[in-house]
N, C-alpha and C. Protein backbone atom coordinates (compact mmCIF):
# COMPACT_ATOMS: atom_id res chain seq x y z
N MET A 1 25.86 -38.07 -121.86
CA MET A 1 24.89 -37.11 -122.35
C MET A 1 23.48 -37.72 -122.43
N LYS A 2 23.41 -39.02 -122.67
CA LYS A 2 22.10 -39.66 -122.72
C LYS A 2 21.40 -39.55 -121.37
N PHE A 3 22.19 -39.72 -120.31
CA PHE A 3 21.62 -39.60 -118.96
C PHE A 3 21.03 -38.20 -118.76
N LEU A 4 21.79 -37.17 -119.12
CA LEU A 4 21.31 -35.79 -118.97
C LEU A 4 20.00 -35.59 -119.74
N ALA A 5 19.97 -36.04 -120.98
CA ALA A 5 18.77 -35.88 -121.80
C ALA A 5 17.59 -36.65 -121.22
N ALA A 6 17.84 -37.86 -120.73
CA ALA A 6 16.76 -38.70 -120.19
C ALA A 6 16.11 -38.09 -118.95
N ILE A 7 16.87 -37.33 -118.19
CA ILE A 7 16.33 -36.69 -116.99
C ILE A 7 15.84 -35.28 -117.30
N ALA A 8 16.69 -34.49 -117.94
CA ALA A 8 16.39 -33.07 -118.14
C ALA A 8 15.23 -32.81 -119.09
N LEU A 9 15.15 -33.53 -120.19
CA LEU A 9 14.12 -33.23 -121.19
C LEU A 9 12.70 -33.51 -120.70
N PRO A 10 12.41 -34.64 -120.04
CA PRO A 10 11.05 -34.82 -119.52
C PRO A 10 10.68 -33.77 -118.45
N LEU A 11 11.64 -33.40 -117.62
CA LEU A 11 11.35 -32.37 -116.60
C LEU A 11 11.13 -31.01 -117.25
N TYR A 12 11.90 -30.71 -118.28
CA TYR A 12 11.70 -29.49 -119.05
C TYR A 12 10.30 -29.48 -119.67
N ALA A 13 9.90 -30.60 -120.25
CA ALA A 13 8.57 -30.70 -120.86
C ALA A 13 7.47 -30.51 -119.81
N LEU A 14 7.63 -31.13 -118.64
CA LEU A 14 6.66 -30.96 -117.55
C LEU A 14 6.60 -29.49 -117.13
N ASP A 15 7.74 -28.85 -116.99
CA ASP A 15 7.79 -27.45 -116.61
C ASP A 15 7.03 -26.59 -117.62
N GLN A 16 7.33 -26.78 -118.90
CA GLN A 16 6.70 -25.96 -119.93
C GLN A 16 5.20 -26.26 -120.06
N LEU A 17 4.82 -27.51 -119.89
CA LEU A 17 3.40 -27.86 -119.95
C LEU A 17 2.63 -27.21 -118.80
N THR A 18 3.17 -27.25 -117.60
CA THR A 18 2.48 -26.64 -116.45
C THR A 18 2.42 -25.12 -116.61
N LYS A 19 3.47 -24.51 -117.11
CA LYS A 19 3.47 -23.06 -117.30
C LYS A 19 2.50 -22.65 -118.41
N TRP A 20 2.43 -23.44 -119.47
CA TRP A 20 1.46 -23.15 -120.52
C TRP A 20 0.04 -23.20 -119.95
N TRP A 21 -0.22 -24.20 -119.11
CA TRP A 21 -1.55 -24.33 -118.52
C TRP A 21 -1.87 -23.11 -117.64
N ILE A 22 -0.91 -22.69 -116.85
CA ILE A 22 -1.11 -21.49 -116.01
C ILE A 22 -1.34 -20.28 -116.89
N TYR A 23 -0.52 -20.10 -117.90
CA TYR A 23 -0.59 -18.94 -118.79
C TYR A 23 -1.96 -18.86 -119.48
N THR A 24 -2.57 -20.00 -119.76
CA THR A 24 -3.85 -20.03 -120.47
C THR A 24 -5.07 -20.16 -119.56
N HIS A 25 -4.86 -20.37 -118.25
CA HIS A 25 -5.99 -20.58 -117.35
C HIS A 25 -6.06 -19.62 -116.16
N PHE A 26 -5.04 -18.77 -115.98
CA PHE A 26 -5.03 -17.83 -114.85
C PHE A 26 -4.61 -16.45 -115.32
N ALA A 27 -5.23 -15.44 -114.70
CA ALA A 27 -4.94 -14.06 -115.05
C ALA A 27 -3.64 -13.60 -114.41
N LEU A 28 -2.89 -12.80 -115.16
CA LEU A 28 -1.75 -12.10 -114.58
C LEU A 28 -2.36 -10.87 -113.91
N PRO A 29 -2.12 -10.68 -112.61
CA PRO A 29 -2.75 -9.55 -111.90
C PRO A 29 -2.43 -8.21 -112.55
N ALA A 30 -3.40 -7.31 -112.48
CA ALA A 30 -3.26 -5.98 -113.10
C ALA A 30 -2.76 -4.95 -112.10
N ASP A 31 -1.96 -5.36 -111.15
CA ASP A 31 -1.48 -4.41 -110.14
C ASP A 31 0.02 -4.57 -109.92
N GLY A 32 0.61 -3.53 -109.39
CA GLY A 32 2.02 -3.58 -109.00
C GLY A 32 2.95 -3.89 -110.15
N TYR A 33 3.90 -4.73 -109.89
CA TYR A 33 4.96 -5.06 -110.84
C TYR A 33 4.42 -5.67 -112.13
N PHE A 34 3.34 -6.39 -112.03
CA PHE A 34 2.82 -7.11 -113.20
C PHE A 34 2.29 -6.17 -114.27
N GLU A 35 2.10 -4.89 -113.95
CA GLU A 35 1.66 -3.92 -114.94
C GLU A 35 2.68 -3.73 -116.06
N ARG A 36 3.89 -4.26 -115.88
CA ARG A 36 4.91 -4.16 -116.92
C ARG A 36 4.56 -5.01 -118.13
N PHE A 37 3.55 -5.84 -118.01
CA PHE A 37 3.13 -6.73 -119.09
C PHE A 37 1.66 -6.50 -119.42
N PRO A 38 1.32 -5.28 -119.89
CA PRO A 38 -0.10 -4.94 -120.09
C PRO A 38 -0.80 -5.82 -121.11
N ASP A 39 -0.07 -6.31 -122.11
CA ASP A 39 -0.70 -7.18 -123.11
C ASP A 39 -1.16 -8.49 -122.48
N VAL A 40 -0.35 -9.07 -121.59
CA VAL A 40 -0.72 -10.32 -120.93
C VAL A 40 -1.83 -10.06 -119.92
N VAL A 41 -1.75 -8.95 -119.18
CA VAL A 41 -2.79 -8.60 -118.22
C VAL A 41 -4.13 -8.48 -118.93
N LYS A 42 -4.14 -7.77 -120.06
CA LYS A 42 -5.39 -7.58 -120.82
C LYS A 42 -5.90 -8.91 -121.39
N LYS A 43 -4.98 -9.69 -121.95
CA LYS A 43 -5.35 -10.97 -122.59
C LYS A 43 -5.91 -11.98 -121.59
N THR A 44 -5.45 -11.92 -120.34
CA THR A 44 -5.87 -12.91 -119.34
C THR A 44 -6.86 -12.36 -118.32
N ALA A 45 -7.32 -11.12 -118.50
CA ALA A 45 -8.17 -10.45 -117.50
C ALA A 45 -9.45 -11.23 -117.18
N HIS A 46 -9.97 -11.98 -118.12
CA HIS A 46 -11.22 -12.72 -117.92
C HIS A 46 -11.03 -14.02 -117.12
N LEU A 47 -9.78 -14.39 -116.86
CA LEU A 47 -9.48 -15.65 -116.18
C LEU A 47 -9.41 -15.43 -114.67
N PRO A 48 -9.54 -16.50 -113.87
CA PRO A 48 -9.43 -16.34 -112.41
C PRO A 48 -8.01 -15.97 -112.00
N LEU A 49 -7.89 -15.22 -110.89
CA LEU A 49 -6.58 -14.82 -110.38
C LEU A 49 -5.88 -15.94 -109.62
N THR A 50 -6.65 -16.69 -108.84
CA THR A 50 -6.05 -17.74 -108.02
C THR A 50 -6.99 -18.94 -107.93
N ALA A 51 -6.42 -20.04 -107.48
CA ALA A 51 -7.21 -21.22 -107.14
C ALA A 51 -6.63 -21.78 -105.84
N ASP A 52 -7.48 -21.91 -104.85
CA ASP A 52 -7.04 -22.49 -103.58
C ASP A 52 -6.90 -23.99 -103.72
N VAL A 53 -5.73 -24.49 -103.39
CA VAL A 53 -5.50 -25.93 -103.35
C VAL A 53 -5.69 -26.39 -101.92
N ILE A 54 -5.03 -25.71 -101.00
CA ILE A 54 -5.23 -25.91 -99.56
C ILE A 54 -5.50 -24.51 -99.00
N PRO A 55 -6.78 -24.18 -98.76
CA PRO A 55 -7.13 -22.82 -98.37
C PRO A 55 -6.27 -22.30 -97.21
N GLY A 56 -5.73 -21.10 -97.43
CA GLY A 56 -4.90 -20.46 -96.42
C GLY A 56 -3.44 -20.90 -96.44
N TRP A 57 -3.13 -21.92 -97.23
CA TRP A 57 -1.77 -22.46 -97.24
C TRP A 57 -1.14 -22.55 -98.63
N PHE A 58 -1.92 -22.95 -99.62
CA PHE A 58 -1.35 -23.24 -100.94
C PHE A 58 -2.32 -22.81 -102.03
N GLN A 59 -1.83 -21.96 -102.96
CA GLN A 59 -2.64 -21.47 -104.06
C GLN A 59 -1.90 -21.64 -105.39
N ILE A 60 -2.68 -21.68 -106.45
CA ILE A 60 -2.15 -21.61 -107.81
C ILE A 60 -2.40 -20.18 -108.28
N VAL A 61 -1.35 -19.54 -108.81
CA VAL A 61 -1.42 -18.16 -109.27
C VAL A 61 -0.70 -18.04 -110.61
N HIS A 62 -0.72 -16.86 -111.18
CA HIS A 62 0.07 -16.56 -112.39
C HIS A 62 0.85 -15.29 -112.08
N TRP A 63 2.11 -15.45 -111.75
CA TRP A 63 2.97 -14.31 -111.43
C TRP A 63 4.11 -14.23 -112.43
N ALA A 64 4.56 -13.01 -112.67
CA ALA A 64 5.67 -12.76 -113.59
C ALA A 64 6.92 -12.41 -112.79
N ASN A 65 8.03 -13.07 -113.12
CA ASN A 65 9.29 -12.81 -112.43
C ASN A 65 10.39 -12.56 -113.47
N THR A 66 10.93 -11.34 -113.47
CA THR A 66 12.05 -11.04 -114.36
C THR A 66 13.37 -11.05 -113.59
N GLY A 67 13.30 -11.47 -112.34
CA GLY A 67 14.51 -11.56 -111.52
C GLY A 67 14.93 -13.00 -111.34
N ALA A 68 15.66 -13.22 -110.26
CA ALA A 68 16.14 -14.57 -109.93
C ALA A 68 15.33 -15.08 -108.74
N ALA A 69 15.91 -15.98 -107.97
CA ALA A 69 15.24 -16.53 -106.79
C ALA A 69 14.77 -15.41 -105.87
N PHE A 70 13.59 -15.56 -105.31
CA PHE A 70 12.99 -14.59 -104.41
C PHE A 70 12.81 -13.24 -105.11
N SER A 71 12.71 -13.24 -106.43
CA SER A 71 12.54 -12.04 -107.26
C SER A 71 13.68 -11.04 -107.12
N LEU A 72 14.84 -11.51 -106.70
CA LEU A 72 16.00 -10.63 -106.61
C LEU A 72 16.44 -10.22 -108.01
N GLY A 73 16.77 -8.96 -108.17
CA GLY A 73 17.24 -8.47 -109.45
C GLY A 73 16.12 -8.27 -110.46
N GLN A 74 14.92 -7.94 -109.98
CA GLN A 74 13.79 -7.74 -110.90
C GLN A 74 14.15 -6.75 -112.00
N GLY A 75 13.65 -7.00 -113.19
CA GLY A 75 13.86 -6.10 -114.30
C GLY A 75 15.14 -6.36 -115.08
N ASN A 76 15.86 -7.40 -114.73
CA ASN A 76 17.12 -7.73 -115.40
C ASN A 76 17.00 -9.00 -116.22
N ASN A 77 15.92 -9.12 -116.95
CA ASN A 77 15.64 -10.32 -117.71
C ASN A 77 16.78 -10.68 -118.68
N SER A 78 17.28 -9.69 -119.40
CA SER A 78 18.35 -9.94 -120.37
C SER A 78 19.62 -10.45 -119.69
N PHE A 79 19.95 -9.88 -118.54
CA PHE A 79 21.11 -10.34 -117.79
C PHE A 79 20.95 -11.81 -117.41
N PHE A 80 19.76 -12.19 -116.93
CA PHE A 80 19.54 -13.56 -116.51
C PHE A 80 19.49 -14.54 -117.69
N ILE A 81 19.09 -14.07 -118.85
CA ILE A 81 19.17 -14.92 -120.04
C ILE A 81 20.64 -15.22 -120.34
N GLY A 82 21.46 -14.19 -120.35
CA GLY A 82 22.90 -14.38 -120.59
C GLY A 82 23.55 -15.26 -119.56
N LEU A 83 23.26 -15.01 -118.29
CA LEU A 83 23.81 -15.82 -117.21
C LEU A 83 23.40 -17.28 -117.34
N SER A 84 22.15 -17.51 -117.71
CA SER A 84 21.65 -18.87 -117.88
C SER A 84 22.37 -19.60 -119.00
N ILE A 85 22.60 -18.91 -120.10
CA ILE A 85 23.31 -19.53 -121.24
C ILE A 85 24.73 -19.89 -120.84
N VAL A 86 25.41 -18.98 -120.14
CA VAL A 86 26.79 -19.25 -119.69
C VAL A 86 26.80 -20.43 -118.71
N ALA A 87 25.88 -20.44 -117.75
CA ALA A 87 25.82 -21.53 -116.76
C ALA A 87 25.52 -22.86 -117.44
N PHE A 88 24.59 -22.86 -118.37
CA PHE A 88 24.22 -24.08 -119.09
C PHE A 88 25.44 -24.63 -119.84
N ALA A 89 26.11 -23.76 -120.57
CA ALA A 89 27.30 -24.19 -121.33
C ALA A 89 28.41 -24.65 -120.40
N GLY A 90 28.60 -23.94 -119.30
CA GLY A 90 29.63 -24.32 -118.33
C GLY A 90 29.38 -25.69 -117.71
N LEU A 91 28.12 -25.96 -117.40
CA LEU A 91 27.78 -27.27 -116.84
C LEU A 91 28.00 -28.39 -117.85
N LEU A 92 27.63 -28.15 -119.11
CA LEU A 92 27.87 -29.16 -120.14
C LEU A 92 29.38 -29.39 -120.34
N PHE A 93 30.15 -28.34 -120.32
CA PHE A 93 31.61 -28.46 -120.45
C PHE A 93 32.18 -29.25 -119.28
N ALA A 94 31.76 -28.93 -118.06
CA ALA A 94 32.23 -29.65 -116.88
C ALA A 94 31.82 -31.12 -116.93
N TRP A 95 30.60 -31.39 -117.43
CA TRP A 95 30.12 -32.77 -117.58
C TRP A 95 31.03 -33.54 -118.52
N LYS A 96 31.34 -32.93 -119.67
CA LYS A 96 32.21 -33.59 -120.66
C LYS A 96 33.59 -33.86 -120.09
N ARG A 97 34.06 -33.03 -119.18
CA ARG A 97 35.38 -33.19 -118.57
C ARG A 97 35.35 -34.18 -117.41
N GLY A 98 34.17 -34.70 -117.09
CA GLY A 98 34.05 -35.71 -116.04
C GLY A 98 34.15 -35.14 -114.63
N LEU A 99 33.71 -33.92 -114.43
CA LEU A 99 33.82 -33.28 -113.12
C LEU A 99 32.71 -33.64 -112.14
N PHE A 100 31.79 -34.49 -112.58
CA PHE A 100 30.69 -34.91 -111.71
C PHE A 100 30.73 -36.43 -111.57
N PRO A 101 31.59 -36.95 -110.70
CA PRO A 101 31.84 -38.39 -110.64
C PRO A 101 30.79 -39.22 -109.90
N ASP A 102 30.04 -38.59 -109.01
CA ASP A 102 29.12 -39.38 -108.17
C ASP A 102 27.67 -39.15 -108.59
N ALA A 103 26.81 -40.06 -108.16
CA ALA A 103 25.40 -40.02 -108.55
C ALA A 103 24.69 -38.74 -108.12
N PRO A 104 24.85 -38.26 -106.86
CA PRO A 104 24.13 -37.02 -106.51
C PRO A 104 24.50 -35.83 -107.40
N SER A 105 25.77 -35.68 -107.72
CA SER A 105 26.15 -34.54 -108.56
C SER A 105 25.69 -34.73 -110.00
N ARG A 106 25.69 -35.96 -110.51
CA ARG A 106 25.19 -36.19 -111.87
C ARG A 106 23.69 -35.89 -111.95
N TRP A 107 22.93 -36.34 -110.96
CA TRP A 107 21.50 -36.01 -110.91
C TRP A 107 21.31 -34.52 -110.75
N GLY A 108 22.15 -33.89 -109.93
CA GLY A 108 22.07 -32.45 -109.75
C GLY A 108 22.25 -31.69 -111.05
N VAL A 109 23.23 -32.11 -111.86
CA VAL A 109 23.46 -31.46 -113.15
C VAL A 109 22.24 -31.61 -114.05
N ALA A 110 21.69 -32.81 -114.12
CA ALA A 110 20.51 -33.03 -114.97
C ALA A 110 19.34 -32.15 -114.52
N LEU A 111 19.14 -32.07 -113.21
CA LEU A 111 18.03 -31.26 -112.69
C LEU A 111 18.26 -29.77 -112.93
N ILE A 112 19.48 -29.31 -112.69
CA ILE A 112 19.73 -27.88 -112.86
C ILE A 112 19.66 -27.48 -114.34
N LEU A 113 20.10 -28.36 -115.23
CA LEU A 113 19.98 -28.06 -116.66
C LEU A 113 18.51 -27.95 -117.08
N SER A 114 17.66 -28.83 -116.56
CA SER A 114 16.23 -28.73 -116.90
C SER A 114 15.64 -27.44 -116.35
N GLY A 115 16.04 -27.06 -115.14
CA GLY A 115 15.55 -25.82 -114.55
C GLY A 115 16.00 -24.59 -115.32
N ILE A 116 17.28 -24.56 -115.68
CA ILE A 116 17.80 -23.44 -116.46
C ILE A 116 17.06 -23.34 -117.79
N LEU A 117 16.93 -24.46 -118.47
CA LEU A 117 16.27 -24.48 -119.77
C LEU A 117 14.81 -24.02 -119.66
N GLY A 118 14.11 -24.49 -118.63
CA GLY A 118 12.71 -24.09 -118.45
C GLY A 118 12.54 -22.61 -118.20
N ASN A 119 13.35 -22.05 -117.32
CA ASN A 119 13.20 -20.64 -117.00
C ASN A 119 13.72 -19.73 -118.11
N VAL A 120 14.79 -20.11 -118.78
CA VAL A 120 15.28 -19.26 -119.87
C VAL A 120 14.30 -19.29 -121.05
N THR A 121 13.62 -20.41 -121.26
CA THR A 121 12.59 -20.46 -122.31
C THR A 121 11.50 -19.43 -122.01
N ASP A 122 11.05 -19.38 -120.76
CA ASP A 122 10.03 -18.39 -120.36
C ASP A 122 10.52 -16.97 -120.60
N ARG A 123 11.76 -16.70 -120.19
CA ARG A 123 12.30 -15.34 -120.34
C ARG A 123 12.30 -14.92 -121.81
N ILE A 124 12.62 -15.85 -122.70
CA ILE A 124 12.68 -15.53 -124.13
C ILE A 124 11.26 -15.43 -124.72
N VAL A 125 10.38 -16.38 -124.38
CA VAL A 125 9.05 -16.43 -124.96
C VAL A 125 8.11 -15.37 -124.38
N HIS A 126 8.09 -15.23 -123.04
CA HIS A 126 7.13 -14.33 -122.38
C HIS A 126 7.73 -13.01 -121.91
N GLY A 127 9.04 -12.97 -121.76
CA GLY A 127 9.67 -11.78 -121.19
C GLY A 127 9.77 -11.85 -119.69
N TYR A 128 9.32 -12.96 -119.12
CA TYR A 128 9.38 -13.19 -117.68
C TYR A 128 9.24 -14.68 -117.41
N VAL A 129 9.61 -15.09 -116.22
CA VAL A 129 9.43 -16.48 -115.80
C VAL A 129 8.03 -16.60 -115.20
N VAL A 130 7.29 -17.60 -115.64
CA VAL A 130 5.95 -17.86 -115.11
C VAL A 130 6.09 -18.64 -113.80
N ASP A 131 5.75 -17.99 -112.70
CA ASP A 131 5.72 -18.65 -111.39
C ASP A 131 4.27 -18.87 -111.01
N PHE A 132 3.98 -20.01 -110.36
CA PHE A 132 2.56 -20.30 -110.13
C PHE A 132 2.25 -21.05 -108.84
N LEU A 133 3.23 -21.60 -108.18
CA LEU A 133 2.97 -22.32 -106.92
C LEU A 133 3.23 -21.37 -105.77
N LEU A 134 2.18 -21.01 -105.04
CA LEU A 134 2.29 -20.04 -103.95
C LEU A 134 1.93 -20.70 -102.62
N VAL A 135 2.93 -20.75 -101.75
CA VAL A 135 2.77 -21.39 -100.45
C VAL A 135 2.85 -20.33 -99.36
N ASP A 136 1.92 -20.35 -98.43
CA ASP A 136 1.94 -19.45 -97.27
C ASP A 136 2.35 -20.27 -96.05
N LEU A 137 3.56 -20.06 -95.59
CA LEU A 137 4.09 -20.83 -94.46
C LEU A 137 3.64 -20.30 -93.11
N HIS A 138 2.92 -19.17 -93.11
CA HIS A 138 2.45 -18.53 -91.88
C HIS A 138 3.62 -18.20 -90.94
N VAL A 139 4.70 -17.74 -91.56
CA VAL A 139 5.88 -17.29 -90.82
C VAL A 139 6.09 -15.83 -91.22
N ARG A 140 6.38 -14.97 -90.26
CA ARG A 140 6.45 -13.53 -90.51
C ARG A 140 7.36 -13.16 -91.68
N PHE A 141 8.56 -13.70 -91.73
CA PHE A 141 9.51 -13.31 -92.77
C PHE A 141 9.25 -13.98 -94.12
N ALA A 142 8.34 -14.92 -94.15
CA ALA A 142 8.06 -15.64 -95.40
C ALA A 142 6.57 -15.77 -95.61
N ASN A 143 5.89 -14.63 -95.62
CA ASN A 143 4.45 -14.66 -95.69
C ASN A 143 3.97 -13.77 -96.83
N PRO A 144 3.56 -14.27 -97.97
CA PRO A 144 3.71 -15.66 -98.38
C PRO A 144 5.11 -15.91 -98.93
N TRP A 145 5.45 -17.16 -99.05
CA TRP A 145 6.71 -17.57 -99.67
C TRP A 145 6.63 -17.14 -101.13
N PRO A 146 7.74 -16.75 -101.74
CA PRO A 146 7.67 -16.37 -103.16
C PRO A 146 7.14 -17.52 -104.03
N ALA A 147 6.36 -17.16 -105.03
CA ALA A 147 5.83 -18.17 -105.94
C ALA A 147 6.98 -18.82 -106.70
N PHE A 148 6.79 -20.07 -107.08
CA PHE A 148 7.83 -20.81 -107.80
C PHE A 148 7.18 -21.72 -108.81
N ASN A 149 7.98 -22.53 -109.51
CA ASN A 149 7.48 -23.40 -110.57
C ASN A 149 8.27 -24.70 -110.58
N VAL A 150 8.01 -25.54 -111.56
CA VAL A 150 8.69 -26.84 -111.65
C VAL A 150 10.19 -26.65 -111.86
N ALA A 151 10.58 -25.72 -112.74
CA ALA A 151 12.00 -25.47 -113.00
C ALA A 151 12.72 -25.03 -111.72
N ASP A 152 12.08 -24.14 -110.96
CA ASP A 152 12.67 -23.68 -109.69
C ASP A 152 12.84 -24.85 -108.73
N SER A 153 11.87 -25.74 -108.71
CA SER A 153 11.96 -26.92 -107.84
C SER A 153 13.14 -27.80 -108.25
N CYS A 154 13.33 -27.97 -109.54
CA CYS A 154 14.47 -28.76 -110.04
C CYS A 154 15.79 -28.12 -109.61
N ILE A 155 15.89 -26.81 -109.73
CA ILE A 155 17.11 -26.10 -109.34
C ILE A 155 17.36 -26.24 -107.84
N PHE A 156 16.31 -26.13 -107.04
CA PHE A 156 16.44 -26.27 -105.59
C PHE A 156 16.92 -27.67 -105.21
N ILE A 157 16.32 -28.68 -105.81
CA ILE A 157 16.72 -30.07 -105.53
C ILE A 157 18.15 -30.30 -105.99
N ALA A 158 18.52 -29.73 -107.13
CA ALA A 158 19.89 -29.85 -107.63
C ALA A 158 20.88 -29.25 -106.63
N ALA A 159 20.55 -28.10 -106.08
CA ALA A 159 21.44 -27.47 -105.09
C ALA A 159 21.61 -28.38 -103.88
N ALA A 160 20.52 -28.99 -103.43
CA ALA A 160 20.60 -29.92 -102.29
C ALA A 160 21.48 -31.12 -102.64
N LEU A 161 21.34 -31.63 -103.85
CA LEU A 161 22.17 -32.77 -104.27
C LEU A 161 23.65 -32.39 -104.36
N PHE A 162 23.96 -31.18 -104.82
CA PHE A 162 25.35 -30.73 -104.86
C PHE A 162 25.92 -30.60 -103.44
N ILE A 163 25.11 -30.16 -102.49
CA ILE A 163 25.56 -30.07 -101.10
C ILE A 163 25.83 -31.47 -100.55
N ILE A 164 24.93 -32.40 -100.82
CA ILE A 164 25.13 -33.80 -100.39
C ILE A 164 26.42 -34.35 -100.99
N ALA A 165 26.64 -34.11 -102.28
CA ALA A 165 27.85 -34.61 -102.94
C ALA A 165 29.10 -33.99 -102.33
N ALA A 166 29.05 -32.71 -102.01
CA ALA A 166 30.20 -32.03 -101.42
C ALA A 166 30.51 -32.56 -100.03
N VAL A 167 29.47 -32.79 -99.23
CA VAL A 167 29.67 -33.33 -97.88
C VAL A 167 30.24 -34.73 -97.95
N ARG A 168 29.71 -35.56 -98.83
CA ARG A 168 30.24 -36.93 -99.00
C ARG A 168 31.70 -36.90 -99.43
N ASP A 169 32.02 -36.01 -100.37
CA ASP A 169 33.39 -35.90 -100.87
C ASP A 169 34.33 -35.44 -99.76
N ALA A 170 33.89 -34.50 -98.96
CA ALA A 170 34.73 -34.01 -97.86
C ALA A 170 34.99 -35.10 -96.82
N ARG A 171 34.01 -35.94 -96.59
CA ARG A 171 34.18 -37.03 -95.62
C ARG A 171 35.13 -38.11 -96.13
N ARG A 172 35.18 -38.29 -97.45
CA ARG A 172 36.05 -39.33 -98.03
C ARG A 172 37.50 -38.94 -98.06
N LYS A 173 37.79 -37.66 -98.13
CA LYS A 173 39.18 -37.22 -98.23
C LYS A 173 39.88 -37.40 -96.90
N PRO A 174 41.11 -37.95 -96.95
CA PRO A 174 41.86 -38.13 -95.71
C PRO A 174 42.29 -36.78 -95.14
N ARG A 175 42.26 -36.71 -93.82
CA ARG A 175 42.68 -35.47 -93.15
C ARG A 175 44.16 -35.52 -92.86
N PRO A 176 44.86 -34.39 -93.02
CA PRO A 176 46.32 -34.38 -92.79
C PRO A 176 46.68 -34.58 -91.35
């Protein structure tokens, strides 16, 4: 458990610090889906909408997401809070049972726990997940890529680590 705390808690703090900075320095747009949060739109209206980091490719924004990855399931914030709590508890239970024997899966658990904790905190505090990193890949089907945050990055890296662990495990098992 010390390992989980040593990895997950600093990443959670980084996630919340960056989201707080976005929430206090960038406006939530007053159009489309974001109109569901009129108090935040009004409170942040005097702030800039975006900041170009790499013009035409990478921007900092303040977007609200009540769905999951790629904004799937928008408007189901309560469902995702419940799902997050169940997933968090399930991962801790599996950790205690020793179901993550190798380094990639242990790191994956720490990263995914920090991501879950970061995004569920947003859902409870703001009513939505604060997404702020917007990348334009200049590809038709991904133009722009959905905005994301530090917690989302942790979850993505955790998924990659779980895939690596699964491939390694499959290679180690003898074939009949």
